[in-house]
Amino acid sequence: MAREKLRVGIISANWGAMAHLPAWRGLPDIDVVGICTSRRETAEAAAKNFDIAQPFWDYHAMAASPDIDIVDCGTRPNIRRDMVLACFAQGKHVYNGIPFADSFDSARLLIEAQRKSGCVAMVDAFTQWVPGHRLMKEMIDDGYLGRAVQVNLEFHLPLFNPPQEMIRGFAWFAEPENGASALRNLGSHGFHLLVHLFGMPVSLVAVDCRYVDEWRFESGDVFHPQVNDTATVLLQFASGMTAIVRTCWTPVAGRGWTLDVQGTAGRLRTEAPSFPTQDDTILSAAKRGDFALAPVAIPERCGSMDGVDFGDRYPLPHARSMALAMRTMVDAIRGVSTPVQPDFEQAWAVARILEAARRSAAQQEWVRLDAVV
């Protein structure tokens, strides 16, 4: 007998509809039944445009709807906090965006509410589901590196220097109250992957700065950002391993994504020209005695999972890795033992790292993670 489908409501007709919607529709036991925006006319237009049965223009109504099991909250962090809290209060499972929250205090509210509710909750840090990173995790766990010694992670996306018209809708990144910055946005994805691969660091020191004071779009719109655009964080792990994370969303000729992990017996490296996705992330490796990195063939199993239909539903490559992550959420809701990855506990860990980096940059000193709770 076929299982009854779980029903999803999406808050956001922008990124939520472009990337999250096709990912959800790649799960055969999911129905996307609702979409929510801030106004009735836009909600009804989105429902018609994306072939979704029920429009909402009040997130409280979506959270309270008996016709919805999971709410996908994809708006800016400071707005989405109360949406997530409303969903937990109504017993809804939640798929939450990145950054996890607009502040450390908000992050604490979210993790406490999720723990109290018992609902299944996931964050949109799907980088660990990119096939190259899935294989990297397997190789690390199998001892390929020997002892991990050094990590260099660089995430440089040329979003705002000059600003790209395609991201005009994300100009809200310029205002600090919205919870964005190069470190909070790009860094969140990098820190999620590092925690997934190596666990929590014990201490860090950070520099976080703004160098570009004007975003001038081709349309003539000009913004004067009040958030930082360039950060460097040095992390120390209990094993003795160190990691340097560099983020920037205003680089000239930005190189995209690089994750380079050096060990006593081997080295692993992933690269992508922009955001790491299923389509363009390559993995290279070398063992002790090799003189250069060599490409590693990524097996098909690292880009697939039972219960995910890749079909023709993925106009954006990001959606395919999202669907793999979403599969673990759906299985957890159904009582399957597969852990949710990445869950709110991992997001709380990353929130602690971001807060430690904020304190370190402000105080110009090392900060221990066990002091950030």
Protein backbone atom coordinates (compact mmCIF):
# COMPACT_ATOMS: atom_id res chain seq x y z
CA MET A 1 0.00 0.00 0.00
CA ALA A 2 1.34 3.43 -0.94
CA ARG A 3 2.22 5.69 1.97
CA GLU A 4 0.23 8.86 2.51
CA LYS A 5 2.24 11.81 1.24
CA LEU A 6 3.63 14.46 3.55
CA ARG A 7 2.42 17.95 2.68
CA VAL A 8 4.76 20.94 2.38
CA GLY A 9 4.08 24.66 2.48
CA ILE A 10 6.75 27.05 1.22
CA ILE A 11 7.21 30.61 2.49
CA SER A 12 8.88 32.52 -0.38
CA ALA A 13 8.10 32.85 -4.04
CA ASN A 14 11.71 33.73 -4.87
CA TRP A 15 14.53 31.36 -3.87
CA GLY A 16 12.02 29.06 -2.18
CA ALA A 17 10.13 28.60 -5.42
CA MET A 18 13.17 28.52 -7.70
CA ALA A 19 15.30 26.00 -5.78
CA HIS A 20 13.38 24.50 -2.85
CA LEU A 21 10.17 23.74 -4.77
CA PRO A 22 11.81 21.52 -7.43
CA ALA A 23 13.82 19.79 -4.70
CA TRP A 24 10.68 18.91 -2.74
CA ARG A 25 9.00 17.74 -5.93
CA GLY A 26 11.88 15.32 -6.44
CA LEU A 27 10.61 13.31 -3.45
CA PRO A 28 7.78 11.02 -4.60
CA ASP A 29 6.14 10.92 -1.16
CA ILE A 30 5.90 14.73 -0.87
CA ASP A 31 3.15 17.08 -2.06
CA VAL A 32 3.81 20.82 -2.09
CA VAL A 33 0.34 22.10 -1.30
CA GLY A 34 0.87 25.71 -0.18
CA ILE A 35 2.91 28.83 -0.90
CA CYS A 36 3.02 31.99 1.21
CA THR A 37 4.03 35.57 0.43
CA SER A 38 3.31 38.82 2.27
CA ARG A 39 0.39 39.91 0.06
CA ARG A 40 -2.69 38.17 -1.25
CA GLU A 41 -2.14 39.17 -4.87
CA THR A 42 1.45 37.89 -4.95
CA ALA A 43 0.51 34.68 -3.12
CA GLU A 44 -2.30 33.92 -5.55
CA ALA A 45 -0.07 34.71 -8.52
CA ALA A 46 2.68 32.44 -7.17
CA ALA A 47 0.24 29.60 -6.53
CA LYS A 48 -1.01 29.83 -10.10
CA ASN A 49 2.46 30.23 -11.61
CA PHE A 50 3.94 27.25 -9.75
CA ASP A 51 0.83 25.05 -9.82
CA ILE A 52 0.36 24.98 -6.05
CA ALA A 53 -3.12 24.43 -4.68
CA GLN A 54 -3.33 26.87 -1.78
CA PRO A 55 -2.01 30.43 -1.50
CA PHE A 56 -1.32 32.01 1.91
CA TRP A 57 -0.53 35.63 2.71
CA ASP A 58 -0.24 35.16 6.49
CA TYR A 59 2.40 32.76 7.77
CA HIS A 60 0.40 32.21 10.95
CA ALA A 61 -2.37 30.74 8.79
CA MET A 62 0.09 28.43 7.05
CA ALA A 63 1.58 27.34 10.39
CA ALA A 64 -1.89 26.58 11.75
CA SER A 65 -3.20 24.80 8.64
CA PRO A 66 -4.16 21.15 9.27
CA ASP A 67 -3.37 20.51 5.60
CA ILE A 68 0.38 21.08 6.02
CA ASP A 69 3.00 18.90 7.76
CA ILE A 70 6.25 20.70 6.89
CA VAL A 71 6.86 24.43 6.48
CA ASP A 72 9.82 25.56 4.39
CA CYS A 73 10.86 29.00 5.68
CA GLY A 74 13.01 30.71 3.06
CA THR A 75 12.88 34.43 3.77
CA ARG A 76 15.51 36.71 5.32
CA PRO A 77 16.73 35.60 8.77
CA ASN A 78 15.21 38.34 10.93
CA ILE A 79 11.74 37.78 9.47
CA ARG A 80 11.95 34.01 9.41
CA ARG A 81 12.73 33.65 13.13
CA ASP A 82 9.14 34.33 14.19
CA MET A 83 7.87 32.16 11.34
CA VAL A 84 9.88 29.20 12.58
CA LEU A 85 8.74 29.78 16.17
CA ALA A 86 5.10 29.92 15.01
CA CYS A 87 5.54 26.63 13.15
CA PHE A 88 6.97 24.84 16.17
CA ALA A 89 4.15 26.21 18.33
CA GLN A 90 1.71 24.54 15.91
CA GLY A 91 3.64 21.26 15.82
CA LYS A 92 4.94 21.72 12.30
CA HIS A 93 8.24 20.31 11.07
CA VAL A 94 10.54 23.01 9.67
CA TYR A 95 13.03 23.42 6.86
CA ASN A 96 14.91 26.63 7.68
CA GLY A 97 17.16 28.81 5.54
CA ILE A 98 20.77 29.95 5.95
CA PRO A 99 21.98 31.82 7.93
CA PHE A 100 20.17 29.92 10.69
CA ALA A 101 19.18 33.15 12.49
CA ASP A 102 19.76 36.89 12.43
CA SER A 103 21.64 36.89 15.75
CA PHE A 104 23.00 34.61 18.44
CA ASP A 105 20.04 35.36 20.72
CA SER A 106 17.64 34.40 17.93
CA ALA A 107 19.60 31.21 17.27
CA ARG A 108 19.22 30.26 20.93
CA LEU A 109 15.45 30.87 20.74
CA LEU A 110 15.19 28.61 17.69
CA ILE A 111 17.17 25.69 19.08
CA GLU A 112 15.31 25.84 22.40
CA ALA A 113 11.93 25.95 20.64
CA GLN A 114 12.86 23.03 18.40
CA ARG A 115 14.06 20.90 21.31
CA LYS A 116 10.89 21.65 23.26
CA SER A 117 8.59 20.96 20.31
CA GLY A 118 10.10 17.59 19.35
CA CYS A 119 9.51 18.52 15.70
CA VAL A 120 11.95 17.48 13.00
CA ALA A 121 13.92 20.46 11.73
CA MET A 122 16.58 20.96 9.08
CA VAL A 123 18.63 23.87 7.74
CA ASP A 124 19.43 24.68 4.13
CA ALA A 125 23.18 23.96 4.44
CA PHE A 126 23.17 21.37 1.68
CA THR A 127 26.89 21.67 0.82
CA GLN A 128 27.65 18.41 2.65
CA TRP A 129 25.34 16.64 0.17
CA VAL A 130 27.32 17.75 -2.89
CA PRO A 131 28.73 14.46 -4.31
CA GLY A 132 32.35 15.55 -4.06
CA HIS A 133 31.89 16.35 -0.38
CA ARG A 134 30.04 13.11 0.28
CA LEU A 135 33.01 11.20 -1.14
CA MET A 136 35.47 13.42 0.75
CA LYS A 137 33.67 12.54 4.00
CA GLU A 138 33.88 8.81 3.20
CA MET A 139 37.60 9.05 2.42
CA ILE A 140 38.34 10.99 5.60
CA ASP A 141 36.39 8.49 7.71
CA ASP A 142 38.27 5.64 6.01
CA GLY A 143 41.61 7.16 7.03
CA TYR A 144 42.76 8.53 3.67
CA LEU A 145 44.34 11.61 5.25
CA GLY A 146 46.05 9.86 8.12
CA ARG A 147 45.94 12.59 10.75
CA ALA A 148 44.27 15.77 9.49
CA VAL A 149 46.66 18.68 9.96
CA GLN A 150 45.54 21.78 8.06
CA VAL A 151 42.41 22.98 6.29
CA ASN A 152 42.11 25.94 3.96
CA LEU A 153 38.59 26.92 2.94
CA GLU A 154 38.07 29.87 0.59
CA PHE A 155 34.61 30.99 -0.49
CA HIS A 156 34.83 34.07 -2.72
CA LEU A 157 31.70 34.99 -4.70
CA PRO A 158 31.71 38.25 -6.74
CA LEU A 159 28.18 39.29 -5.78
CA PHE A 160 28.49 43.00 -5.03
CA ASN A 161 31.64 44.41 -6.66
CA PRO A 162 30.06 45.35 -8.96
CA PRO A 163 26.66 44.03 -7.84
CA GLN A 164 24.99 41.61 -10.24
CA GLU A 165 21.50 42.49 -11.43
CA MET A 166 20.45 38.87 -10.97
CA ILE A 167 20.78 39.33 -7.20
CA ARG A 168 18.99 42.69 -7.05
CA GLY A 169 16.35 41.02 -4.86
CA PHE A 170 19.03 40.32 -2.25
CA ALA A 171 20.00 43.94 -1.68
CA TRP A 172 18.62 43.48 1.84
CA PHE A 173 21.99 41.87 2.57
CA ALA A 174 23.25 45.44 3.01
CA GLU A 175 21.40 46.00 6.31
CA PRO A 176 22.85 44.42 9.49
CA GLU A 177 19.46 43.97 11.18
CA ASN A 178 18.61 41.38 8.53
CA GLY A 179 21.36 39.08 9.81
CA ALA A 180 23.54 38.94 6.69
CA SER A 181 27.23 39.39 5.91
CA ALA A 182 29.81 37.53 3.87
CA LEU A 183 30.86 35.66 7.01
CA ARG A 184 27.31 34.91 8.17
CA ASN A 185 26.08 33.80 4.72
CA LEU A 186 29.03 32.26 2.88
CA GLY A 187 30.76 31.35 6.12
CA SER A 188 27.71 29.46 7.41
CA HIS A 189 27.92 27.04 4.49
CA GLY A 190 31.65 26.54 5.05
CA PHE A 191 31.35 26.07 8.81
CA HIS A 192 28.53 23.57 8.38
CA LEU A 193 30.75 21.44 6.20
CA LEU A 194 33.72 21.70 8.58
CA VAL A 195 31.58 20.67 11.56
CA HIS A 196 30.20 17.78 9.50
CA LEU A 197 33.71 16.63 8.54
CA PHE A 198 35.68 17.32 11.73
CA GLY A 199 33.36 18.29 14.58
CA MET A 200 33.50 21.48 16.64
CA PRO A 201 36.61 23.62 17.01
CA VAL A 202 37.78 24.51 20.50
CA SER A 203 38.85 28.10 19.82
CA LEU A 204 39.18 30.68 17.08
CA VAL A 205 40.40 34.15 16.19
CA ALA A 206 38.75 36.27 13.51
CA VAL A 207 39.06 39.44 11.45
CA ASP A 208 35.84 40.72 9.87
CA CYS A 209 35.84 43.92 7.78
CA ARG A 210 34.04 46.00 5.17
CA TYR A 211 36.11 47.30 2.26
CA VAL A 212 33.45 48.15 -0.37
CA ASP A 213 31.20 51.00 0.77
CA GLU A 214 28.88 51.26 -2.24
CA TRP A 215 26.82 48.80 -4.26
CA ARG A 216 25.81 50.46 -7.54
CA PHE A 217 23.50 48.37 -9.71
CA GLU A 218 23.21 48.83 -13.47
CA SER A 219 19.62 49.91 -12.92
CA GLY A 220 20.92 52.97 -11.09
CA ASP A 221 20.03 51.81 -7.58
CA VAL A 222 22.76 52.54 -5.07
CA PHE A 223 23.16 50.96 -1.64
CA HIS A 224 25.66 51.81 1.06
CA PRO A 225 26.14 48.53 2.94
CA GLN A 226 26.54 48.52 6.69
CA VAL A 227 27.66 44.89 6.81
CA ASN A 228 31.11 43.37 6.42
CA ASP A 229 32.17 41.86 3.12
CA THR A 230 35.49 40.13 3.90
CA ALA A 231 36.47 37.86 6.79
CA THR A 232 39.25 35.50 7.84
CA VAL A 233 38.81 33.01 10.68
CA LEU A 234 41.52 30.74 12.13
CA LEU A 235 40.07 27.76 13.99
CA GLN A 236 41.86 25.35 16.33
CA PHE A 237 40.51 21.82 16.87
CA ALA A 238 41.09 19.50 19.83
CA SER A 239 43.12 17.18 17.59
CA GLY A 240 45.59 19.98 16.92
CA MET A 241 44.30 20.53 13.39
CA THR A 242 43.91 24.15 12.29
CA ALA A 243 41.54 25.54 9.69
CA ILE A 244 41.58 28.90 7.93
CA VAL A 245 38.26 30.06 6.49
CA ARG A 246 38.24 33.06 4.15
CA THR A 247 34.98 34.54 2.90
CA CYS A 248 34.33 37.50 0.61
CA TRP A 249 31.34 38.56 -1.50
CA THR A 250 33.11 41.54 -3.12
CA PRO A 251 36.24 39.94 -4.67
CA VAL A 252 37.61 40.96 -8.04
CA ALA A 253 37.63 37.85 -10.26
CA GLY A 254 36.46 35.76 -7.31
CA ARG A 255 37.55 32.14 -7.54
CA GLY A 256 34.44 30.57 -6.03
CA TRP A 257 34.86 27.63 -3.66
CA THR A 258 38.02 25.80 -2.57
CA LEU A 259 38.33 23.34 0.31
CA ASP A 260 41.86 21.94 0.74
CA VAL A 261 42.53 19.40 3.52
CA GLN A 262 46.09 18.32 4.30
CA GLY A 263 46.89 15.23 6.35
CA THR A 264 49.96 13.27 7.37
CA ALA A 265 49.21 10.55 4.80
CA GLY A 266 47.11 12.30 2.15
CA ARG A 267 45.50 15.43 0.81
CA LEU A 268 41.97 16.12 -0.46
CA ARG A 269 40.68 19.16 -2.33
CA THR A 270 37.31 20.23 -3.71
CA GLU A 271 36.86 23.16 -6.08
CA ALA A 272 33.90 24.88 -7.74
CA PRO A 273 33.82 28.04 -9.88
CA SER A 274 30.95 29.49 -7.86
CA PHE A 275 28.70 27.92 -5.22
CA PRO A 276 29.55 24.21 -4.89
CA THR A 277 26.86 22.15 -6.59
CA GLN A 278 26.32 18.66 -7.96
CA ASP A 279 27.24 19.80 -11.47
CA ASP A 280 30.54 21.58 -11.06
CA THR A 281 32.34 20.52 -7.86
CA ILE A 282 35.45 18.47 -8.56
CA LEU A 283 37.44 16.39 -6.08
CA SER A 284 41.20 15.86 -6.27
CA ALA A 285 43.45 13.77 -4.07
CA ALA A 286 47.04 12.78 -3.42
CA LYS A 287 48.73 10.24 -1.14
CA ARG A 288 52.09 10.53 0.56
CA GLY A 289 54.76 10.23 -2.14
CA ASP A 290 52.64 11.75 -4.91
CA PHE A 291 53.94 14.94 -6.49
CA ALA A 292 50.59 16.42 -7.51
CA LEU A 293 46.88 16.16 -6.89
CA ALA A 294 44.93 14.01 -9.33
CA PRO A 295 41.20 14.10 -10.14
CA VAL A 296 39.04 11.54 -8.35
CA ALA A 297 36.12 9.92 -10.15
CA ILE A 298 33.00 10.44 -8.07
CA PRO A 299 30.78 7.34 -8.06
CA GLU A 300 27.16 7.72 -9.03
CA ARG A 301 25.99 6.63 -5.58
CA CYS A 302 27.39 9.87 -4.09
CA GLY A 303 24.92 11.89 -6.12
CA SER A 304 21.83 9.80 -5.51
CA MET A 305 19.69 8.28 -2.78
CA ASP A 306 16.77 5.89 -2.63
CA GLY A 307 13.53 7.81 -2.62
CA VAL A 308 14.79 10.76 -4.69
CA ASP A 309 13.64 11.10 -8.31
CA PHE A 310 16.05 13.28 -10.25
CA GLY A 311 13.98 13.32 -13.48
CA ASP A 312 13.83 16.73 -15.17
CA ARG A 313 12.77 18.71 -12.11
CA TYR A 314 16.02 20.55 -11.39
CA PRO A 315 16.43 23.83 -13.29
CA LEU A 316 19.01 24.91 -10.67
CA PRO A 317 21.80 22.45 -9.77
CA HIS A 318 21.53 23.46 -6.08
CA ALA A 319 18.15 21.71 -5.90
CA ARG A 320 19.56 18.24 -6.42
CA SER A 321 21.72 18.32 -3.28
CA MET A 322 18.82 19.94 -1.40
CA ALA A 323 16.62 16.98 -2.35
CA LEU A 324 19.14 14.53 -0.86
CA ALA A 325 19.13 16.47 2.41
CA MET A 326 15.34 16.73 2.39
CA ARG A 327 15.11 12.96 2.01
CA THR A 328 16.70 12.51 5.45
CA MET A 329 14.17 14.92 6.93
CA VAL A 330 11.23 13.07 5.43
CA ASP A 331 12.61 9.72 6.60
CA ALA A 332 13.07 11.09 10.12
CA ILE A 333 9.47 12.29 10.21
CA ARG A 334 8.38 8.80 9.15
CA GLY A 335 10.47 7.21 11.89
CA VAL A 336 13.31 5.85 9.77
CA SER A 337 16.59 5.79 11.71
CA THR A 338 18.57 7.88 9.19
CA PRO A 339 19.68 11.07 11.01
CA VAL A 340 18.60 14.46 9.72
CA GLN A 341 21.57 16.12 8.04
CA PRO A 342 22.07 19.01 8.63
CA ASP A 343 19.76 19.43 11.62
CA PHE A 344 19.15 22.29 14.06
CA GLU A 345 21.81 20.97 16.43
CA GLN A 346 24.43 21.40 13.73
CA ALA A 347 22.99 24.84 12.95
CA TRP A 348 23.31 25.77 16.64
CA ALA A 349 26.96 24.66 16.54
CA VAL A 350 27.56 26.95 13.55
CA ALA A 351 25.71 29.79 15.30
CA ARG A 352 28.17 29.42 18.20
CA ILE A 353 31.10 29.61 15.77
CA LEU A 354 29.69 32.76 14.17
CA GLU A 355 29.16 34.35 17.58
CA ALA A 356 32.68 33.43 18.64
CA ALA A 357 33.99 35.03 15.43
CA ARG A 358 31.96 38.18 16.13
CA ARG A 359 33.36 38.45 19.66
CA SER A 360 36.89 37.74 18.48
CA ALA A 361 36.78 40.40 15.75
CA ALA A 362 35.39 42.95 18.21
CA GLN A 363 37.83 42.12 21.02
CA GLN A 364 40.83 41.29 18.80
CA GLU A 365 41.60 38.13 20.73
CA TRP A 366 41.13 34.35 20.72
CA VAL A 367 37.73 33.09 21.87
CA ARG A 368 37.06 29.62 23.24
CA LEU A 369 33.92 27.91 21.96
CA ASP A 370 33.02 26.51 25.36
CA ALA A 371 32.51 30.12 26.49
CA VAL A 372 29.89 30.69 23.78
CA VAL A 373 26.64 29.07 24.96
